[in-house]
Amino acid sequence: MGNSVFNNGVIHGSFFERLDPNLPITRTIDDSHQLEAVVGAIKRHIEWLLNSREGSSQSAPELGLSDFNDATGGSTDFTLKIANNIKETIQRYEPRVTVQDVEYSPNPDNPLELTFKVVGQLTLRQYNKDVLIELVLNGHNKHYDVY
């Protein structure tokens, strides 16, 4: 759920991460782990965004995804609407990722799960890296998991 920022090898967690008594406020890490830590923070933030519903925040009513009540339908138009909504939400609220495409990947072994792949570019100071983020919408609890 965090927007970790690193300065001189120190990662500062998001506000909510800093409230967690089990996590240190700052963590010192070396360069090889900085990018990995930031990517993890970005994925947590995207998961938080996608599990928020549009209209649930008074200060930002458009934050989150639209409420798709039948999110296990699987029709092409329906999955295209969800993919577009995912792309717009990430583009609006996660500035460290430039989304190029969101693709629906049907899973015939588990039709109650909708899987989307986000293809984009991670831009962080000196880092420009292609990223592929997998999103899975669980058909039972309507919760997105980000991998």
N, C-alpha and C. Protein backbone atom coordinates (compact mmCIF):
# COMPACT_ATOMS: atom_id res chain seq x y z
N MET A 1 0.82 -1.17 0.00
CA MET A 1 0.00 0.00 0.00
C MET A 1 0.87 1.24 0.00
N GLY A 2 2.09 1.18 -0.51
CA GLY A 2 2.94 2.30 -0.23
C GLY A 2 3.60 2.96 -1.41
N ASN A 3 3.95 4.19 -1.21
CA ASN A 3 4.76 4.95 -2.14
C ASN A 3 6.12 5.15 -1.49
N SER A 4 6.96 4.15 -1.49
CA SER A 4 8.27 4.30 -0.88
C SER A 4 9.14 5.20 -1.73
N VAL A 5 9.89 6.04 -1.08
CA VAL A 5 10.82 6.93 -1.75
C VAL A 5 12.19 6.65 -1.17
N PHE A 6 13.19 6.56 -2.03
CA PHE A 6 14.52 6.33 -1.48
C PHE A 6 15.43 7.52 -1.73
N ASN A 7 16.22 7.83 -0.73
CA ASN A 7 17.21 8.90 -0.79
C ASN A 7 18.49 8.38 -0.17
N ASN A 8 19.57 8.40 -0.92
CA ASN A 8 20.88 7.99 -0.39
C ASN A 8 20.84 6.63 0.29
N GLY A 9 20.16 5.68 -0.32
CA GLY A 9 20.14 4.33 0.23
C GLY A 9 19.16 4.12 1.37
N VAL A 10 18.31 5.10 1.65
CA VAL A 10 17.33 4.95 2.73
C VAL A 10 15.95 5.00 2.11
N ILE A 11 15.13 4.01 2.45
CA ILE A 11 13.75 3.99 1.96
C ILE A 11 12.83 4.50 3.05
N HIS A 12 11.98 5.43 2.68
CA HIS A 12 10.97 5.95 3.59
C HIS A 12 9.64 5.41 3.08
N GLY A 13 8.90 4.68 3.91
CA GLY A 13 7.64 4.10 3.50
C GLY A 13 6.54 5.14 3.37
N SER A 14 5.40 4.73 2.84
CA SER A 14 4.26 5.62 2.75
C SER A 14 3.78 5.96 4.15
N PHE A 15 2.87 6.89 4.25
CA PHE A 15 2.33 7.28 5.54
C PHE A 15 1.79 6.08 6.30
N PHE A 16 1.00 5.24 5.62
CA PHE A 16 0.41 4.09 6.30
C PHE A 16 1.45 3.04 6.67
N GLU A 17 2.48 2.89 5.84
CA GLU A 17 3.55 1.96 6.18
C GLU A 17 4.31 2.46 7.40
N ARG A 18 4.48 3.77 7.54
CA ARG A 18 5.19 4.32 8.69
C ARG A 18 4.38 4.20 9.96
N LEU A 19 3.06 4.05 9.86
CA LEU A 19 2.21 3.84 11.04
C LEU A 19 2.28 2.41 11.56
N ASP A 20 2.72 1.47 10.73
CA ASP A 20 2.81 0.06 11.14
C ASP A 20 3.94 -0.09 12.15
N PRO A 21 3.62 -0.48 13.40
CA PRO A 21 4.66 -0.58 14.43
C PRO A 21 5.66 -1.70 14.15
N ASN A 22 5.32 -2.63 13.27
CA ASN A 22 6.22 -3.74 12.96
C ASN A 22 7.24 -3.41 11.88
N LEU A 23 7.10 -2.25 11.24
CA LEU A 23 8.04 -1.84 10.20
C LEU A 23 8.85 -0.65 10.68
N PRO A 24 10.14 -0.65 10.42
CA PRO A 24 10.94 0.53 10.78
C PRO A 24 10.54 1.71 9.89
N ILE A 25 10.66 2.91 10.43
CA ILE A 25 10.29 4.10 9.66
C ILE A 25 11.18 4.26 8.44
N THR A 26 12.46 4.03 8.61
CA THR A 26 13.38 4.04 7.47
C THR A 26 14.16 2.75 7.47
N ARG A 27 14.53 2.32 6.28
CA ARG A 27 15.29 1.08 6.13
C ARG A 27 16.47 1.38 5.21
N THR A 28 17.66 1.05 5.63
CA THR A 28 18.85 1.26 4.80
C THR A 28 19.06 0.03 3.93
N ILE A 29 19.21 0.28 2.63
CA ILE A 29 19.43 -0.82 1.69
C ILE A 29 20.49 -0.41 0.68
N ASP A 30 21.05 -1.40 0.01
CA ASP A 30 22.05 -1.09 -1.00
C ASP A 30 21.37 -0.90 -2.36
N ASP A 31 22.15 -0.41 -3.34
CA ASP A 31 21.61 -0.09 -4.66
C ASP A 31 20.93 -1.27 -5.33
N SER A 32 21.44 -2.47 -5.13
CA SER A 32 20.88 -3.63 -5.83
C SER A 32 19.46 -3.94 -5.35
N HIS A 33 19.11 -3.48 -4.17
CA HIS A 33 17.77 -3.77 -3.65
C HIS A 33 16.82 -2.58 -3.75
N GLN A 34 17.34 -1.41 -4.10
CA GLN A 34 16.49 -0.23 -4.16
C GLN A 34 15.37 -0.37 -5.19
N LEU A 35 15.73 -0.75 -6.40
CA LEU A 35 14.73 -0.88 -7.45
C LEU A 35 13.69 -1.93 -7.09
N GLU A 36 14.13 -3.05 -6.55
CA GLU A 36 13.21 -4.11 -6.14
C GLU A 36 12.25 -3.61 -5.06
N ALA A 37 12.75 -2.84 -4.11
CA ALA A 37 11.91 -2.31 -3.04
C ALA A 37 10.89 -1.32 -3.59
N VAL A 38 11.30 -0.48 -4.51
CA VAL A 38 10.38 0.50 -5.08
C VAL A 38 9.33 -0.18 -5.94
N VAL A 39 9.72 -1.18 -6.72
CA VAL A 39 8.75 -1.93 -7.53
C VAL A 39 7.72 -2.60 -6.62
N GLY A 40 8.17 -3.15 -5.50
CA GLY A 40 7.24 -3.75 -4.54
C GLY A 40 6.26 -2.72 -3.99
N ALA A 41 6.75 -1.52 -3.69
CA ALA A 41 5.88 -0.45 -3.19
C ALA A 41 4.88 -0.03 -4.26
N ILE A 42 5.33 0.04 -5.51
CA ILE A 42 4.43 0.40 -6.61
C ILE A 42 3.34 -0.65 -6.77
N LYS A 43 3.71 -1.93 -6.69
CA LYS A 43 2.71 -3.00 -6.82
C LYS A 43 1.70 -2.94 -5.69
N ARG A 44 2.15 -2.66 -4.46
CA ARG A 44 1.21 -2.54 -3.33
C ARG A 44 0.27 -1.36 -3.56
N HIS A 45 0.82 -0.26 -4.08
CA HIS A 45 -0.01 0.91 -4.34
C HIS A 45 -1.05 0.61 -5.43
N ILE A 46 -0.64 -0.07 -6.49
CA ILE A 46 -1.58 -0.43 -7.55
C ILE A 46 -2.65 -1.36 -7.01
N GLU A 47 -2.27 -2.32 -6.18
CA GLU A 47 -3.26 -3.22 -5.58
C GLU A 47 -4.26 -2.42 -4.74
N TRP A 48 -3.77 -1.48 -3.97
CA TRP A 48 -4.65 -0.64 -3.16
C TRP A 48 -5.59 0.17 -4.06
N LEU A 49 -5.05 0.75 -5.14
CA LEU A 49 -5.87 1.53 -6.08
C LEU A 49 -6.98 0.69 -6.69
N LEU A 50 -6.61 -0.52 -7.16
CA LEU A 50 -7.57 -1.35 -7.88
C LEU A 50 -8.62 -1.96 -6.96
N ASN A 51 -8.33 -2.03 -5.68
CA ASN A 51 -9.32 -2.54 -4.73
C ASN A 51 -10.12 -1.42 -4.09
N SER A 52 -9.88 -0.19 -4.52
CA SER A 52 -10.69 0.95 -4.10
C SER A 52 -11.80 1.12 -5.13
N ARG A 53 -12.95 1.55 -4.69
CA ARG A 53 -14.07 1.75 -5.59
C ARG A 53 -14.29 3.23 -5.84
N GLU A 54 -14.55 3.54 -7.09
CA GLU A 54 -14.82 4.91 -7.49
C GLU A 54 -15.95 5.46 -6.61
N GLY A 55 -15.74 6.66 -6.08
CA GLY A 55 -16.74 7.29 -5.23
C GLY A 55 -16.55 7.02 -3.75
N SER A 56 -15.59 6.19 -3.39
CA SER A 56 -15.40 5.85 -1.98
C SER A 56 -14.52 6.87 -1.25
N SER A 57 -13.89 7.78 -1.97
CA SER A 57 -13.05 8.81 -1.36
C SER A 57 -13.69 10.18 -1.58
N GLN A 58 -14.01 10.86 -0.49
CA GLN A 58 -14.63 12.18 -0.63
C GLN A 58 -13.68 13.20 -1.24
N SER A 59 -12.40 13.09 -0.94
CA SER A 59 -11.45 14.08 -1.46
C SER A 59 -11.07 13.82 -2.92
N ALA A 60 -11.24 12.59 -3.39
CA ALA A 60 -10.95 12.25 -4.78
C ALA A 60 -12.00 11.24 -5.24
N PRO A 61 -13.21 11.71 -5.56
CA PRO A 61 -14.32 10.79 -5.88
C PRO A 61 -14.06 9.87 -7.06
N GLU A 62 -13.16 10.26 -7.99
CA GLU A 62 -12.88 9.42 -9.15
C GLU A 62 -11.81 8.37 -8.87
N LEU A 63 -11.21 8.39 -7.67
CA LEU A 63 -10.17 7.42 -7.30
C LEU A 63 -10.76 6.01 -7.25
N GLY A 64 -10.07 5.06 -7.81
CA GLY A 64 -10.50 3.66 -7.77
C GLY A 64 -11.18 3.23 -9.06
N LEU A 65 -11.55 1.97 -9.08
CA LEU A 65 -12.22 1.40 -10.25
C LEU A 65 -13.72 1.55 -10.15
N SER A 66 -14.36 1.54 -11.31
CA SER A 66 -15.81 1.50 -11.35
C SER A 66 -16.27 0.19 -10.74
N ASP A 67 -17.50 0.16 -10.27
CA ASP A 67 -18.03 -1.06 -9.66
C ASP A 67 -18.62 -1.94 -10.77
N PHE A 68 -17.91 -3.01 -11.10
CA PHE A 68 -18.40 -3.97 -12.09
C PHE A 68 -19.01 -5.12 -11.32
N ASN A 69 -20.32 -5.12 -11.17
CA ASN A 69 -20.99 -6.13 -10.35
C ASN A 69 -20.83 -7.53 -10.88
N ASP A 70 -20.73 -7.69 -12.19
CA ASP A 70 -20.62 -9.02 -12.78
C ASP A 70 -19.22 -9.22 -13.32
N ALA A 71 -18.22 -9.08 -12.46
CA ALA A 71 -16.82 -9.10 -12.91
C ALA A 71 -16.30 -10.48 -13.25
N THR A 72 -17.17 -11.45 -13.43
CA THR A 72 -16.73 -12.78 -13.86
C THR A 72 -17.36 -13.13 -15.20
N GLY A 73 -17.95 -12.15 -15.87
CA GLY A 73 -18.65 -12.40 -17.11
C GLY A 73 -17.78 -12.94 -18.22
N GLY A 74 -16.65 -12.30 -18.48
CA GLY A 74 -15.72 -12.79 -19.48
C GLY A 74 -16.01 -12.36 -20.90
N SER A 75 -17.08 -11.60 -21.16
CA SER A 75 -17.35 -11.18 -22.52
C SER A 75 -16.29 -10.17 -22.95
N THR A 76 -16.06 -10.09 -24.25
CA THR A 76 -15.00 -9.23 -24.78
C THR A 76 -15.24 -7.76 -24.42
N ASP A 77 -16.46 -7.26 -24.62
CA ASP A 77 -16.75 -5.86 -24.30
C ASP A 77 -16.55 -5.59 -22.82
N PHE A 78 -16.98 -6.52 -22.00
CA PHE A 78 -16.89 -6.35 -20.55
C PHE A 78 -15.43 -6.31 -20.10
N THR A 79 -14.63 -7.24 -20.57
CA THR A 79 -13.22 -7.27 -20.17
C THR A 79 -12.46 -6.08 -20.75
N LEU A 80 -12.87 -5.59 -21.91
CA LEU A 80 -12.25 -4.40 -22.49
C LEU A 80 -12.55 -3.17 -21.63
N LYS A 81 -13.78 -3.06 -21.12
CA LYS A 81 -14.14 -1.96 -20.23
C LYS A 81 -13.31 -2.00 -18.95
N ILE A 82 -13.15 -3.19 -18.39
CA ILE A 82 -12.35 -3.33 -17.17
C ILE A 82 -10.90 -2.96 -17.45
N ALA A 83 -10.35 -3.46 -18.57
CA ALA A 83 -8.96 -3.17 -18.93
C ALA A 83 -8.75 -1.66 -19.10
N ASN A 84 -9.68 -0.99 -19.76
CA ASN A 84 -9.57 0.46 -19.94
C ASN A 84 -9.65 1.20 -18.61
N ASN A 85 -10.53 0.73 -17.71
CA ASN A 85 -10.67 1.33 -16.39
C ASN A 85 -9.39 1.14 -15.57
N ILE A 86 -8.78 -0.04 -15.66
CA ILE A 86 -7.51 -0.31 -14.97
C ILE A 86 -6.43 0.64 -15.49
N LYS A 87 -6.33 0.76 -16.82
CA LYS A 87 -5.32 1.62 -17.43
C LYS A 87 -5.48 3.08 -16.99
N GLU A 88 -6.71 3.59 -17.05
CA GLU A 88 -6.98 4.97 -16.65
C GLU A 88 -6.64 5.21 -15.18
N THR A 89 -6.99 4.26 -14.32
CA THR A 89 -6.74 4.41 -12.89
C THR A 89 -5.24 4.44 -12.59
N ILE A 90 -4.49 3.52 -13.19
CA ILE A 90 -3.04 3.49 -12.95
C ILE A 90 -2.39 4.75 -13.52
N GLN A 91 -2.80 5.16 -14.71
CA GLN A 91 -2.21 6.37 -15.31
C GLN A 91 -2.48 7.61 -14.46
N ARG A 92 -3.67 7.68 -13.89
CA ARG A 92 -4.05 8.86 -13.11
C ARG A 92 -3.37 8.90 -11.74
N TYR A 93 -3.22 7.73 -11.09
CA TYR A 93 -2.80 7.72 -9.68
C TYR A 93 -1.46 7.06 -9.40
N GLU A 94 -0.78 6.54 -10.40
CA GLU A 94 0.56 5.97 -10.18
C GLU A 94 1.51 6.56 -11.21
N PRO A 95 2.06 7.75 -10.90
CA PRO A 95 2.88 8.47 -11.88
C PRO A 95 4.21 7.81 -12.20
N ARG A 96 4.64 6.84 -11.41
CA ARG A 96 5.93 6.19 -11.67
C ARG A 96 5.83 5.14 -12.78
N VAL A 97 4.60 4.82 -13.20
CA VAL A 97 4.40 3.82 -14.25
C VAL A 97 3.66 4.47 -15.42
N THR A 98 4.22 4.33 -16.61
CA THR A 98 3.54 4.76 -17.83
C THR A 98 2.95 3.50 -18.45
N VAL A 99 1.63 3.41 -18.48
CA VAL A 99 0.96 2.22 -18.99
C VAL A 99 0.86 2.31 -20.50
N GLN A 100 1.38 1.28 -21.18
CA GLN A 100 1.28 1.21 -22.63
C GLN A 100 0.06 0.40 -23.05
N ASP A 101 -0.23 -0.65 -22.29
CA ASP A 101 -1.36 -1.52 -22.65
C ASP A 101 -1.79 -2.34 -21.45
N VAL A 102 -3.07 -2.66 -21.40
CA VAL A 102 -3.60 -3.61 -20.42
C VAL A 102 -4.33 -4.68 -21.23
N GLU A 103 -3.88 -5.92 -21.10
CA GLU A 103 -4.42 -7.03 -21.89
C GLU A 103 -5.14 -8.02 -20.97
N TYR A 104 -6.28 -8.49 -21.43
CA TYR A 104 -7.00 -9.54 -20.73
C TYR A 104 -6.45 -10.89 -21.16
N SER A 105 -6.16 -11.77 -20.21
CA SER A 105 -5.65 -13.12 -20.50
C SER A 105 -6.60 -14.14 -19.90
N PRO A 106 -7.47 -14.73 -20.71
CA PRO A 106 -8.42 -15.71 -20.16
C PRO A 106 -7.69 -16.93 -19.59
N ASN A 107 -8.24 -17.45 -18.51
CA ASN A 107 -7.69 -18.65 -17.88
C ASN A 107 -8.77 -19.73 -17.91
N PRO A 108 -8.72 -20.65 -18.89
CA PRO A 108 -9.76 -21.67 -19.00
C PRO A 108 -9.81 -22.61 -17.80
N ASP A 109 -8.70 -22.74 -17.07
CA ASP A 109 -8.68 -23.61 -15.89
C ASP A 109 -9.39 -22.98 -14.70
N ASN A 110 -9.53 -21.67 -14.70
CA ASN A 110 -10.19 -20.99 -13.59
C ASN A 110 -11.03 -19.83 -14.13
N PRO A 111 -12.24 -20.13 -14.62
CA PRO A 111 -13.05 -19.09 -15.25
C PRO A 111 -13.57 -18.02 -14.28
N LEU A 112 -13.48 -18.26 -12.96
CA LEU A 112 -13.93 -17.26 -12.01
C LEU A 112 -12.87 -16.20 -11.72
N GLU A 113 -11.68 -16.37 -12.27
CA GLU A 113 -10.63 -15.37 -12.12
C GLU A 113 -10.42 -14.66 -13.45
N LEU A 114 -10.30 -13.36 -13.39
CA LEU A 114 -9.97 -12.57 -14.57
C LEU A 114 -8.54 -12.10 -14.42
N THR A 115 -7.71 -12.41 -15.41
CA THR A 115 -6.30 -12.04 -15.35
C THR A 115 -6.01 -10.97 -16.40
N PHE A 116 -5.34 -9.92 -15.96
CA PHE A 116 -4.94 -8.83 -16.84
C PHE A 116 -3.43 -8.65 -16.73
N LYS A 117 -2.81 -8.29 -17.84
CA LYS A 117 -1.38 -8.00 -17.85
C LYS A 117 -1.20 -6.53 -18.21
N VAL A 118 -0.49 -5.81 -17.34
CA VAL A 118 -0.20 -4.40 -17.57
C VAL A 118 1.21 -4.31 -18.13
N VAL A 119 1.32 -3.77 -19.34
CA VAL A 119 2.61 -3.57 -19.99
C VAL A 119 2.91 -2.08 -19.91
N GLY A 120 4.09 -1.77 -19.39
CA GLY A 120 4.41 -0.36 -19.24
C GLY A 120 5.87 -0.09 -19.02
N GLN A 121 6.13 1.13 -18.62
CA GLN A 121 7.49 1.62 -18.39
C GLN A 121 7.54 2.21 -16.98
N LEU A 122 8.52 1.75 -16.21
CA LEU A 122 8.78 2.30 -14.89
C LEU A 122 9.81 3.41 -15.04
N THR A 123 9.48 4.59 -14.56
CA THR A 123 10.40 5.72 -14.64
C THR A 123 10.67 6.22 -13.23
N LEU A 124 11.91 6.09 -12.81
CA LEU A 124 12.33 6.50 -11.47
C LEU A 124 13.72 7.08 -11.55
N ARG A 125 13.84 8.36 -11.44
CA ARG A 125 15.15 9.01 -11.53
C ARG A 125 15.97 8.44 -12.67
N GLN A 126 17.06 7.74 -12.36
CA GLN A 126 17.94 7.22 -13.41
C GLN A 126 17.43 5.91 -14.01
N TYR A 127 16.38 5.35 -13.47
CA TYR A 127 15.87 4.07 -13.96
C TYR A 127 14.74 4.27 -14.95
N ASN A 128 14.85 3.62 -16.09
CA ASN A 128 13.75 3.48 -17.04
C ASN A 128 13.73 2.01 -17.37
N LYS A 129 12.68 1.34 -16.97
CA LYS A 129 12.65 -0.11 -17.10
C LYS A 129 11.28 -0.55 -17.59
N ASP A 130 11.29 -1.48 -18.56
CA ASP A 130 10.03 -2.07 -19.00
C ASP A 130 9.50 -2.96 -17.89
N VAL A 131 8.18 -2.89 -17.67
CA VAL A 131 7.58 -3.71 -16.62
C VAL A 131 6.37 -4.46 -17.17
N LEU A 132 6.15 -5.61 -16.61
CA LEU A 132 4.96 -6.41 -16.87
C LEU A 132 4.38 -6.76 -15.51
N ILE A 133 3.18 -6.28 -15.25
CA ILE A 133 2.53 -6.51 -13.97
C ILE A 133 1.28 -7.34 -14.23
N GLU A 134 1.15 -8.43 -13.50
CA GLU A 134 -0.02 -9.30 -13.65
C GLU A 134 -1.03 -8.99 -12.55
N LEU A 135 -2.28 -8.82 -12.96
CA LEU A 135 -3.38 -8.55 -12.04
C LEU A 135 -4.37 -9.70 -12.13
N VAL A 136 -4.81 -10.20 -11.00
CA VAL A 136 -5.79 -11.28 -10.99
C VAL A 136 -6.98 -10.83 -10.15
N LEU A 137 -8.16 -10.80 -10.77
CA LEU A 137 -9.40 -10.49 -10.06
C LEU A 137 -10.04 -11.79 -9.64
N ASN A 138 -10.12 -12.00 -8.33
CA ASN A 138 -10.73 -13.21 -7.78
C ASN A 138 -12.25 -13.08 -7.92
N GLY A 139 -12.87 -14.04 -8.58
CA GLY A 139 -14.31 -14.01 -8.81
C GLY A 139 -15.14 -14.24 -7.58
N HIS A 140 -14.56 -14.77 -6.53
CA HIS A 140 -15.31 -15.04 -5.30
C HIS A 140 -15.42 -13.80 -4.42
N ASN A 141 -14.31 -13.10 -4.22
CA ASN A 141 -14.34 -11.95 -3.31
C ASN A 141 -14.14 -10.61 -4.03
N LYS A 142 -14.03 -10.63 -5.36
CA LYS A 142 -13.87 -9.41 -6.17
C LYS A 142 -12.66 -8.59 -5.73
N HIS A 143 -11.59 -9.24 -5.35
CA HIS A 143 -10.36 -8.59 -4.88
C HIS A 143 -9.26 -8.78 -5.92
N TYR A 144 -8.55 -7.70 -6.23
CA TYR A 144 -7.41 -7.78 -7.15
C TYR A 144 -6.15 -8.13 -6.38
N ASP A 145 -5.38 -9.06 -6.93
CA ASP A 145 -4.05 -9.37 -6.44
C ASP A 145 -3.08 -8.95 -7.53
N VAL A 146 -1.96 -8.36 -7.14
CA VAL A 146 -0.98 -7.85 -8.09
C VAL A 146 0.30 -8.65 -7.96
N TYR A 147 0.83 -9.14 -9.10
CA TYR A 147 2.06 -9.94 -9.11
C TYR A 147 3.08 -9.30 -10.02
